[in-house]
Amino acid sequence: MRIGYGRTSTLDQRAGMEVQLRDLRATGCGKIFQEQVSSVEKRPQLEACLDFIREGDTLVVTKLDRLARSTQHLLEITDRVKSKGAVLLILNLGADTGTATGKLMFTVIGAIATFEREMMLERQREGIAKAKAEGKYKGRKPTARARAAEIATLRADGVRPVDIARRLGIGRASVYRVLGAEIRAE
């Protein structure tokens, strides 16, 4: 059986997910796991997919970067798939781990993808440093401090900090930071 896995980094990337699902279906995937989460976050659907595959199955993804975050991660996934008696197929590369050439390609391309990502992050850091030096970059706007009045009102109404955080969709630590150290004693 062919099992598909599709991933986009954000919910805003609907078109990207639709293209992946179309391609996975066109390849004959009988079951498709999908999620919209950054590659650095926990990916429960990838875990479910890897648990689901059985001997003789083929795990299909449209692109390498939809599956693994580094060469090491790619090799870990490949080993996990192989240990189950299945193979991995990356559509845009046209290669699978069922062949020696496919295994070599995955390793080399995974290394190149890791290098490319590290270069992109380096350029991003350089751009941020330059913008800061020119006074054009101020960082992310603090979200919890902007809601300080709401936090104070809820606290005055007797709402616990953890419940304030949940209601407002902000971190518990942010609520404590806004309320001050005296709340931490609770």
N, C-alpha and C. Protein backbone atom coordinates (compact mmCIF):
# COMPACT_ATOMS: atom_id res chain seq x y z
N MET A 1 0.85 -1.18 0.00
CA MET A 1 0.00 0.00 0.00
C MET A 1 0.90 1.24 0.00
N ARG A 2 0.46 2.26 -0.68
CA ARG A 2 1.16 3.54 -0.67
C ARG A 2 0.50 4.44 0.38
N ILE A 3 1.34 4.94 1.28
CA ILE A 3 0.89 5.83 2.34
C ILE A 3 1.51 7.19 2.08
N GLY A 4 0.70 8.25 2.07
CA GLY A 4 1.20 9.59 1.80
C GLY A 4 1.35 10.40 3.07
N TYR A 5 2.29 11.34 3.03
CA TYR A 5 2.46 12.30 4.12
C TYR A 5 2.64 13.68 3.51
N GLY A 6 1.79 14.62 3.94
CA GLY A 6 1.87 16.00 3.47
C GLY A 6 2.00 16.95 4.65
N ARG A 7 2.81 18.00 4.49
CA ARG A 7 2.99 18.97 5.57
C ARG A 7 3.26 20.34 5.00
N THR A 8 2.65 21.33 5.63
CA THR A 8 3.02 22.72 5.40
C THR A 8 3.38 23.32 6.75
N SER A 9 4.12 24.40 6.74
CA SER A 9 4.58 24.99 7.99
C SER A 9 3.51 25.80 8.70
N THR A 10 2.60 26.41 7.93
CA THR A 10 1.59 27.25 8.55
C THR A 10 0.22 26.98 7.96
N LEU A 11 -0.80 27.41 8.67
CA LEU A 11 -2.18 27.25 8.20
C LEU A 11 -2.44 28.10 6.95
N ASP A 12 -1.63 29.15 6.75
CA ASP A 12 -1.81 30.03 5.60
C ASP A 12 -1.41 29.39 4.28
N GLN A 13 -0.74 28.26 4.35
CA GLN A 13 -0.23 27.62 3.14
C GLN A 13 -1.20 26.57 2.60
N ARG A 14 -2.46 26.96 2.47
CA ARG A 14 -3.50 26.03 1.99
C ARG A 14 -3.21 25.51 0.59
N ALA A 15 -2.79 26.39 -0.29
CA ALA A 15 -2.52 25.99 -1.67
C ALA A 15 -1.41 24.95 -1.73
N GLY A 16 -0.38 25.14 -0.91
CA GLY A 16 0.71 24.18 -0.87
C GLY A 16 0.24 22.81 -0.42
N MET A 17 -0.65 22.79 0.56
CA MET A 17 -1.18 21.51 1.04
C MET A 17 -2.06 20.87 -0.03
N GLU A 18 -2.86 21.67 -0.70
CA GLU A 18 -3.74 21.13 -1.75
C GLU A 18 -2.93 20.48 -2.87
N VAL A 19 -1.83 21.11 -3.25
CA VAL A 19 -0.96 20.56 -4.30
C VAL A 19 -0.37 19.23 -3.84
N GLN A 20 0.11 19.19 -2.60
CA GLN A 20 0.68 17.95 -2.08
C GLN A 20 -0.36 16.83 -2.08
N LEU A 21 -1.56 17.13 -1.58
CA LEU A 21 -2.61 16.11 -1.51
C LEU A 21 -2.99 15.62 -2.91
N ARG A 22 -3.07 16.56 -3.86
CA ARG A 22 -3.37 16.17 -5.24
C ARG A 22 -2.32 15.21 -5.77
N ASP A 23 -1.05 15.54 -5.57
CA ASP A 23 0.04 14.71 -6.09
C ASP A 23 0.09 13.35 -5.39
N LEU A 24 -0.17 13.34 -4.09
CA LEU A 24 -0.17 12.07 -3.35
C LEU A 24 -1.30 11.16 -3.82
N ARG A 25 -2.47 11.75 -4.04
CA ARG A 25 -3.61 10.95 -4.54
C ARG A 25 -3.32 10.41 -5.94
N ALA A 26 -2.73 11.27 -6.79
CA ALA A 26 -2.42 10.87 -8.16
C ALA A 26 -1.41 9.73 -8.21
N THR A 27 -0.61 9.60 -7.17
CA THR A 27 0.39 8.54 -7.10
C THR A 27 -0.20 7.25 -6.55
N GLY A 28 -1.47 7.30 -6.14
CA GLY A 28 -2.14 6.09 -5.68
C GLY A 28 -2.07 5.84 -4.19
N CYS A 29 -1.86 6.89 -3.40
CA CYS A 29 -1.82 6.70 -1.95
C CYS A 29 -3.20 6.33 -1.43
N GLY A 30 -3.27 5.20 -0.74
CA GLY A 30 -4.53 4.73 -0.18
C GLY A 30 -4.87 5.41 1.13
N LYS A 31 -3.88 5.91 1.82
CA LYS A 31 -4.08 6.64 3.08
C LYS A 31 -3.09 7.79 3.09
N ILE A 32 -3.56 8.95 3.54
CA ILE A 32 -2.71 10.13 3.57
C ILE A 32 -2.79 10.77 4.95
N PHE A 33 -1.62 11.01 5.53
CA PHE A 33 -1.51 11.74 6.78
C PHE A 33 -1.08 13.15 6.42
N GLN A 34 -1.70 14.15 7.07
CA GLN A 34 -1.37 15.53 6.76
C GLN A 34 -1.38 16.39 8.02
N GLU A 35 -0.54 17.40 8.03
CA GLU A 35 -0.52 18.34 9.15
C GLU A 35 0.07 19.66 8.71
N GLN A 36 -0.28 20.68 9.47
CA GLN A 36 0.24 22.01 9.19
C GLN A 36 0.96 22.48 10.45
N VAL A 37 2.26 22.19 10.46
CA VAL A 37 3.09 22.48 11.62
C VAL A 37 4.53 22.69 11.15
N SER A 38 5.23 23.56 11.83
CA SER A 38 6.63 23.81 11.50
C SER A 38 7.45 22.53 11.65
N SER A 39 8.48 22.40 10.85
CA SER A 39 9.29 21.19 10.91
C SER A 39 10.02 21.03 12.23
N VAL A 40 10.19 22.12 12.98
CA VAL A 40 10.89 22.02 14.25
C VAL A 40 9.97 21.67 15.42
N GLU A 41 8.67 21.71 15.19
CA GLU A 41 7.70 21.35 16.23
C GLU A 41 7.48 19.84 16.22
N LYS A 42 6.79 19.35 17.24
CA LYS A 42 6.39 17.94 17.25
C LYS A 42 5.39 17.73 16.12
N ARG A 43 5.53 16.61 15.44
CA ARG A 43 4.65 16.34 14.30
C ARG A 43 3.91 15.02 14.55
N PRO A 44 2.77 15.11 15.21
CA PRO A 44 2.03 13.89 15.57
C PRO A 44 1.56 13.08 14.36
N GLN A 45 1.24 13.74 13.25
CA GLN A 45 0.79 13.00 12.07
C GLN A 45 1.94 12.24 11.41
N LEU A 46 3.14 12.79 11.45
CA LEU A 46 4.30 12.06 10.93
C LEU A 46 4.53 10.83 11.79
N GLU A 47 4.45 10.99 13.10
CA GLU A 47 4.62 9.84 14.00
C GLU A 47 3.55 8.79 13.74
N ALA A 48 2.30 9.23 13.57
CA ALA A 48 1.21 8.30 13.30
C ALA A 48 1.44 7.57 11.98
N CYS A 49 1.93 8.31 10.99
CA CYS A 49 2.22 7.74 9.68
C CYS A 49 3.31 6.67 9.79
N LEU A 50 4.39 7.00 10.50
CA LEU A 50 5.49 6.05 10.64
C LEU A 50 5.07 4.83 11.45
N ASP A 51 4.16 5.00 12.39
CA ASP A 51 3.64 3.86 13.15
C ASP A 51 2.71 3.00 12.28
N PHE A 52 2.01 3.64 11.34
CA PHE A 52 1.02 2.96 10.52
C PHE A 52 1.63 2.05 9.45
N ILE A 53 2.74 2.46 8.87
CA ILE A 53 3.29 1.70 7.74
C ILE A 53 3.67 0.28 8.14
N ARG A 54 3.51 -0.62 7.17
CA ARG A 54 3.78 -2.05 7.39
C ARG A 54 4.72 -2.57 6.31
N GLU A 55 5.13 -3.79 6.47
CA GLU A 55 6.01 -4.43 5.51
C GLU A 55 5.38 -4.39 4.12
N GLY A 56 6.18 -4.00 3.14
CA GLY A 56 5.71 -3.92 1.76
C GLY A 56 5.10 -2.59 1.38
N ASP A 57 4.87 -1.70 2.36
CA ASP A 57 4.30 -0.39 2.08
C ASP A 57 5.35 0.56 1.51
N THR A 58 4.87 1.64 0.89
CA THR A 58 5.73 2.71 0.41
C THR A 58 5.24 4.01 1.01
N LEU A 59 6.11 4.69 1.74
CA LEU A 59 5.80 6.01 2.28
C LEU A 59 6.14 7.02 1.20
N VAL A 60 5.16 7.83 0.79
CA VAL A 60 5.33 8.77 -0.30
C VAL A 60 5.19 10.20 0.22
N VAL A 61 6.18 11.05 -0.12
CA VAL A 61 6.10 12.48 0.15
C VAL A 61 6.44 13.20 -1.15
N THR A 62 5.91 14.42 -1.29
CA THR A 62 6.13 15.14 -2.55
C THR A 62 7.53 15.73 -2.64
N LYS A 63 8.06 16.23 -1.52
CA LYS A 63 9.39 16.85 -1.50
C LYS A 63 10.10 16.48 -0.22
N LEU A 64 11.39 16.45 -0.29
CA LEU A 64 12.22 16.09 0.85
C LEU A 64 12.01 17.03 2.04
N ASP A 65 11.88 18.33 1.77
CA ASP A 65 11.74 19.28 2.87
C ASP A 65 10.40 19.19 3.59
N ARG A 66 9.45 18.47 3.04
CA ARG A 66 8.17 18.25 3.70
C ARG A 66 8.30 17.16 4.76
N LEU A 67 9.36 16.36 4.67
CA LEU A 67 9.53 15.21 5.55
C LEU A 67 10.55 15.44 6.65
N ALA A 68 11.78 15.79 6.28
CA ALA A 68 12.88 15.82 7.25
C ALA A 68 13.44 17.22 7.42
N ARG A 69 13.97 17.48 8.61
CA ARG A 69 14.53 18.80 8.91
C ARG A 69 16.03 18.86 8.77
N SER A 70 16.67 17.68 8.66
CA SER A 70 18.13 17.63 8.52
C SER A 70 18.51 16.28 7.92
N THR A 71 19.77 16.16 7.55
CA THR A 71 20.25 14.89 7.01
C THR A 71 20.10 13.80 8.06
N GLN A 72 20.47 14.10 9.28
CA GLN A 72 20.35 13.12 10.36
C GLN A 72 18.90 12.69 10.54
N HIS A 73 17.98 13.65 10.52
CA HIS A 73 16.56 13.33 10.68
C HIS A 73 16.07 12.48 9.51
N LEU A 74 16.51 12.80 8.30
CA LEU A 74 16.14 12.01 7.13
C LEU A 74 16.62 10.57 7.28
N LEU A 75 17.86 10.41 7.72
CA LEU A 75 18.41 9.06 7.88
C LEU A 75 17.68 8.29 8.98
N GLU A 76 17.27 8.99 10.04
CA GLU A 76 16.50 8.34 11.11
C GLU A 76 15.15 7.85 10.58
N ILE A 77 14.48 8.70 9.81
CA ILE A 77 13.19 8.32 9.23
C ILE A 77 13.37 7.16 8.26
N THR A 78 14.39 7.26 7.42
CA THR A 78 14.67 6.20 6.45
C THR A 78 14.93 4.87 7.16
N ASP A 79 15.71 4.89 8.23
CA ASP A 79 15.99 3.67 8.98
C ASP A 79 14.71 3.11 9.61
N ARG A 80 13.88 4.00 10.12
CA ARG A 80 12.61 3.56 10.73
C ARG A 80 11.70 2.91 9.70
N VAL A 81 11.63 3.51 8.52
CA VAL A 81 10.81 2.95 7.43
C VAL A 81 11.38 1.59 7.01
N LYS A 82 12.69 1.54 6.85
CA LYS A 82 13.35 0.30 6.43
C LYS A 82 13.15 -0.81 7.46
N SER A 83 13.22 -0.48 8.75
CA SER A 83 13.08 -1.49 9.80
C SER A 83 11.69 -2.12 9.79
N LYS A 84 10.72 -1.43 9.20
CA LYS A 84 9.37 -1.97 9.09
C LYS A 84 9.17 -2.74 7.79
N GLY A 85 10.22 -2.81 6.97
CA GLY A 85 10.11 -3.52 5.71
C GLY A 85 9.43 -2.72 4.62
N ALA A 86 9.45 -1.40 4.78
CA ALA A 86 8.82 -0.51 3.80
C ALA A 86 9.90 0.31 3.11
N VAL A 87 9.50 1.08 2.10
CA VAL A 87 10.43 1.97 1.40
C VAL A 87 9.88 3.38 1.39
N LEU A 88 10.77 4.32 1.12
CA LEU A 88 10.43 5.74 1.09
C LEU A 88 10.58 6.25 -0.33
N LEU A 89 9.59 7.01 -0.80
CA LEU A 89 9.61 7.58 -2.14
C LEU A 89 9.39 9.08 -2.06
N ILE A 90 10.31 9.84 -2.62
CA ILE A 90 10.18 11.30 -2.71
C ILE A 90 9.85 11.62 -4.16
N LEU A 91 8.64 12.13 -4.39
CA LEU A 91 8.15 12.30 -5.76
C LEU A 91 9.01 13.23 -6.62
N ASN A 92 9.37 14.41 -6.10
CA ASN A 92 10.08 15.35 -6.97
C ASN A 92 11.51 14.89 -7.29
N LEU A 93 12.02 13.91 -6.56
CA LEU A 93 13.34 13.36 -6.86
C LEU A 93 13.25 12.10 -7.71
N GLY A 94 12.09 11.46 -7.67
CA GLY A 94 11.91 10.21 -8.41
C GLY A 94 12.79 9.09 -7.90
N ALA A 95 13.12 9.12 -6.62
CA ALA A 95 14.01 8.12 -6.05
C ALA A 95 13.37 7.49 -4.83
N ASP A 96 13.72 6.24 -4.57
CA ASP A 96 13.21 5.58 -3.38
C ASP A 96 14.32 4.82 -2.68
N THR A 97 14.07 4.52 -1.42
CA THR A 97 15.09 3.84 -0.60
C THR A 97 15.12 2.34 -0.86
N GLY A 98 14.33 1.89 -1.80
CA GLY A 98 14.35 0.47 -2.16
C GLY A 98 15.53 0.10 -3.03
N THR A 99 16.30 1.11 -3.47
CA THR A 99 17.46 0.86 -4.33
C THR A 99 18.70 1.48 -3.71
N ALA A 100 19.86 0.95 -4.07
CA ALA A 100 21.13 1.49 -3.56
C ALA A 100 21.32 2.92 -4.05
N THR A 101 20.97 3.18 -5.30
CA THR A 101 21.10 4.53 -5.86
C THR A 101 20.18 5.49 -5.11
N GLY A 102 18.97 5.04 -4.81
CA GLY A 102 18.02 5.88 -4.07
C GLY A 102 18.55 6.23 -2.70
N LYS A 103 19.15 5.27 -2.01
CA LYS A 103 19.72 5.53 -0.68
C LYS A 103 20.84 6.57 -0.77
N LEU A 104 21.70 6.43 -1.77
CA LEU A 104 22.78 7.39 -1.95
C LEU A 104 22.22 8.78 -2.23
N MET A 105 21.22 8.86 -3.10
CA MET A 105 20.62 10.15 -3.44
C MET A 105 20.04 10.82 -2.20
N PHE A 106 19.34 10.05 -1.36
CA PHE A 106 18.74 10.63 -0.16
C PHE A 106 19.80 11.22 0.75
N THR A 107 20.90 10.53 0.92
CA THR A 107 21.96 11.01 1.80
C THR A 107 22.57 12.29 1.25
N VAL A 108 22.91 12.31 -0.02
CA VAL A 108 23.54 13.48 -0.63
C VAL A 108 22.57 14.66 -0.66
N ILE A 109 21.36 14.42 -1.11
CA ILE A 109 20.39 15.51 -1.22
C ILE A 109 20.00 16.02 0.17
N GLY A 110 19.90 15.12 1.14
CA GLY A 110 19.62 15.54 2.51
C GLY A 110 20.70 16.46 3.04
N ALA A 111 21.96 16.14 2.74
CA ALA A 111 23.08 16.99 3.17
C ALA A 111 23.01 18.36 2.49
N ILE A 112 22.67 18.37 1.22
CA ILE A 112 22.54 19.63 0.49
C ILE A 112 21.40 20.46 1.06
N ALA A 113 20.27 19.82 1.35
CA ALA A 113 19.12 20.54 1.91
C ALA A 113 19.46 21.13 3.28
N THR A 114 20.20 20.39 4.09
CA THR A 114 20.62 20.90 5.40
C THR A 114 21.53 22.11 5.22
N PHE A 115 22.47 22.02 4.30
CA PHE A 115 23.38 23.13 4.01
C PHE A 115 22.58 24.36 3.55
N GLU A 116 21.63 24.15 2.65
CA GLU A 116 20.83 25.24 2.12
C GLU A 116 20.04 25.93 3.24
N ARG A 117 19.46 25.14 4.14
CA ARG A 117 18.69 25.71 5.25
C ARG A 117 19.59 26.52 6.17
N GLU A 118 20.78 25.99 6.48
CA GLU A 118 21.70 26.72 7.35
C GLU A 118 22.16 28.02 6.70
N MET A 119 22.36 28.02 5.40
CA MET A 119 22.74 29.24 4.69
C MET A 119 21.61 30.26 4.73
N MET A 120 20.39 29.81 4.56
CA MET A 120 19.23 30.70 4.60
C MET A 120 19.11 31.34 5.99
N LEU A 121 19.29 30.53 7.04
CA LEU A 121 19.21 31.07 8.40
C LEU A 121 20.33 32.07 8.66
N GLU A 122 21.52 31.80 8.12
CA GLU A 122 22.63 32.72 8.28
C GLU A 122 22.33 34.05 7.59
N ARG A 123 21.78 33.99 6.38
CA ARG A 123 21.42 35.22 5.66
C ARG A 123 20.34 35.99 6.43
N GLN A 124 19.40 35.24 7.00
CA GLN A 124 18.33 35.87 7.78
C GLN A 124 18.92 36.60 8.99
N ARG A 125 19.82 35.96 9.72
CA ARG A 125 20.46 36.58 10.88
C ARG A 125 21.24 37.83 10.47
N GLU A 126 21.95 37.75 9.34
CA GLU A 126 22.69 38.90 8.85
C GLU A 126 21.75 40.05 8.51
N GLY A 127 20.63 39.74 7.88
CA GLY A 127 19.65 40.76 7.52
C GLY A 127 19.06 41.43 8.75
N ILE A 128 18.76 40.63 9.77
CA ILE A 128 18.21 41.18 11.01
C ILE A 128 19.25 42.07 11.69
N ALA A 129 20.50 41.62 11.74
CA ALA A 129 21.57 42.42 12.36
C ALA A 129 21.73 43.75 11.63
N LYS A 130 21.69 43.73 10.31
CA LYS A 130 21.82 44.97 9.52
C LYS A 130 20.65 45.90 9.80
N ALA A 131 19.43 45.35 9.83
CA ALA A 131 18.24 46.16 10.09
C ALA A 131 18.29 46.77 11.49
N LYS A 132 18.77 45.99 12.46
CA LYS A 132 18.90 46.52 13.82
C LYS A 132 19.91 47.65 13.86
N ALA A 133 21.04 47.48 13.18
CA ALA A 133 22.08 48.51 13.15
C ALA A 133 21.56 49.79 12.52
N GLU A 134 20.67 49.67 11.56
CA GLU A 134 20.09 50.84 10.89
C GLU A 134 18.86 51.37 11.61
N GLY A 135 18.50 50.72 12.73
CA GLY A 135 17.34 51.16 13.51
C GLY A 135 16.00 50.83 12.87
N LYS A 136 15.99 49.90 11.92
CA LYS A 136 14.75 49.55 11.22
C LYS A 136 14.07 48.32 11.81
N TYR A 137 14.75 47.60 12.66
CA TYR A 137 14.22 46.36 13.21
C TYR A 137 14.03 46.51 14.70
N LYS A 138 12.83 46.37 15.14
CA LYS A 138 12.53 46.53 16.56
C LYS A 138 12.15 45.20 17.21
N GLY A 139 12.02 44.15 16.43
CA GLY A 139 11.61 42.86 16.98
C GLY A 139 10.10 42.72 17.00
N ARG A 140 9.67 41.63 17.54
CA ARG A 140 8.24 41.33 17.60
C ARG A 140 7.57 42.21 18.64
N LYS A 141 6.38 42.69 18.34
CA LYS A 141 5.62 43.50 19.26
C LYS A 141 5.19 42.62 20.44
N PRO A 142 5.42 43.07 21.68
CA PRO A 142 5.04 42.25 22.83
C PRO A 142 3.51 42.13 22.92
N THR A 143 3.02 40.92 22.89
CA THR A 143 1.57 40.70 22.86
C THR A 143 0.94 40.75 24.25
N ALA A 144 1.59 40.19 25.23
CA ALA A 144 1.00 40.14 26.57
C ALA A 144 0.92 41.53 27.19
N ARG A 145 1.98 42.33 27.01
CA ARG A 145 1.96 43.68 27.59
C ARG A 145 0.86 44.54 26.98
N ALA A 146 0.54 44.29 25.75
CA ALA A 146 -0.54 45.04 25.09
C ALA A 146 -1.90 44.69 25.70
N ARG A 147 -1.95 43.55 26.38
CA ARG A 147 -3.21 43.12 26.99
C ARG A 147 -3.17 43.23 28.51
N ALA A 148 -2.28 44.06 29.02
CA ALA A 148 -2.09 44.20 30.47
C ALA A 148 -3.38 44.59 31.18
N ALA A 149 -4.17 45.47 30.59
CA ALA A 149 -5.42 45.90 31.24
C ALA A 149 -6.38 44.73 31.37
N GLU A 150 -6.49 43.91 30.33
CA GLU A 150 -7.36 42.74 30.39
C GLU A 150 -6.89 41.77 31.47
N ILE A 151 -5.57 41.58 31.52
CA ILE A 151 -4.99 40.67 32.51
C ILE A 151 -5.30 41.16 33.91
N ALA A 152 -5.10 42.44 34.16
CA ALA A 152 -5.35 43.02 35.48
C ALA A 152 -6.82 42.90 35.86
N THR A 153 -7.72 43.14 34.92
CA THR A 153 -9.15 43.04 35.19
C THR A 153 -9.55 41.62 35.55
N LEU A 154 -9.06 40.66 34.77
CA LEU A 154 -9.38 39.26 35.06
C LEU A 154 -8.83 38.84 36.41
N ARG A 155 -7.62 39.29 36.73
CA ARG A 155 -7.02 38.95 38.02
C ARG A 155 -7.82 39.56 39.16
N ALA A 156 -8.29 40.81 38.97
CA ALA A 156 -9.10 41.49 39.99
C ALA A 156 -10.42 40.75 40.21
N ASP A 157 -10.90 40.08 39.16
CA ASP A 157 -12.13 39.29 39.26
C ASP A 157 -11.89 37.92 39.88
N GLY A 158 -10.64 37.66 40.29
CA GLY A 158 -10.33 36.41 40.96
C GLY A 158 -9.94 35.25 40.05
N VAL A 159 -9.68 35.53 38.78
CA VAL A 159 -9.29 34.49 37.83
C VAL A 159 -7.82 34.15 38.05
N ARG A 160 -7.54 32.85 38.12
CA ARG A 160 -6.16 32.40 38.32
C ARG A 160 -5.31 32.70 37.08
N PRO A 161 -4.01 32.97 37.29
CA PRO A 161 -3.13 33.29 36.16
C PRO A 161 -3.15 32.24 35.05
N VAL A 162 -3.17 30.97 35.41
CA VAL A 162 -3.19 29.93 34.38
C VAL A 162 -4.48 30.00 33.54
N ASP A 163 -5.58 30.36 34.17
CA ASP A 163 -6.85 30.50 33.44
C ASP A 163 -6.88 31.78 32.60
N ILE A 164 -6.23 32.82 33.10
CA ILE A 164 -6.11 34.07 32.31
C ILE A 164 -5.35 33.76 31.02
N ALA A 165 -4.23 33.06 31.16
CA ALA A 165 -3.43 32.70 29.99
C ALA A 165 -4.25 31.92 28.99
N ARG A 166 -5.00 30.95 29.46
CA ARG A 166 -5.82 30.11 28.59
C ARG A 166 -6.89 30.95 27.88
N ARG A 167 -7.57 31.81 28.63
CA ARG A 167 -8.64 32.64 28.05
C ARG A 167 -8.12 33.60 26.98
N LEU A 168 -6.97 34.19 27.25
CA LEU A 168 -6.44 35.20 26.33
C LEU A 168 -5.53 34.63 25.25
N GLY A 169 -5.20 33.34 25.36
CA GLY A 169 -4.36 32.71 24.35
C GLY A 169 -2.92 33.18 24.38
N ILE A 170 -2.44 33.44 25.59
CA ILE A 170 -1.04 33.85 25.76
C ILE A 170 -0.37 32.91 26.74
N GLY A 171 0.93 33.00 26.85
CA GLY A 171 1.67 32.12 27.74
C GLY A 171 1.46 32.47 29.21
N ARG A 172 1.48 31.44 30.04
CA ARG A 172 1.32 31.64 31.49
C ARG A 172 2.44 32.52 32.04
N ALA A 173 3.66 32.31 31.55
CA ALA A 173 4.78 33.12 32.02
C ALA A 173 4.56 34.60 31.68
N SER A 174 3.93 34.86 30.55
CA SER A 174 3.65 36.25 30.16
C SER A 174 2.67 36.90 31.13
N VAL A 175 1.69 36.12 31.57
CA VAL A 175 0.71 36.64 32.55
C VAL A 175 1.43 36.99 33.85
N TYR A 176 2.29 36.08 34.32
CA TYR A 176 3.04 36.35 35.54
C TYR A 176 3.93 37.58 35.39
N ARG A 177 4.56 37.73 34.22
CA ARG A 177 5.44 38.87 33.97
C ARG A 177 4.65 40.17 34.07
N VAL A 178 3.43 40.19 33.51
CA VAL A 178 2.61 41.40 33.55
C VAL A 178 2.12 41.67 34.97
N LEU A 179 1.72 40.62 35.68
CA LEU A 179 1.17 40.81 37.02
C LEU A 179 2.24 41.10 38.07
N GLY A 180 3.43 40.64 37.84
CA GLY A 180 4.51 40.90 38.79
C GLY A 180 4.81 39.70 39.66
N ALA A 181 5.85 39.81 40.42
CA ALA A 181 6.39 38.69 41.21
C ALA A 181 5.46 38.26 42.34
N GLU A 182 4.60 39.14 42.87
CA GLU A 182 3.78 38.75 44.01
C GLU A 182 2.80 37.61 43.71
N ILE A 183 2.45 37.44 42.46
CA ILE A 183 1.51 36.39 42.06
C ILE A 183 2.18 35.01 42.12
N ARG A 184 3.46 34.95 41.92
CA ARG A 184 4.16 33.67 41.85
C ARG A 184 4.03 32.84 43.12
N ALA A 185 3.70 33.48 44.20
CA ALA A 185 3.59 32.78 45.48
C ALA A 185 2.37 31.85 45.51
N GLU A 186 1.41 32.03 44.61
CA GLU A 186 0.19 31.21 44.62
C GLU A 186 0.45 29.79 44.22
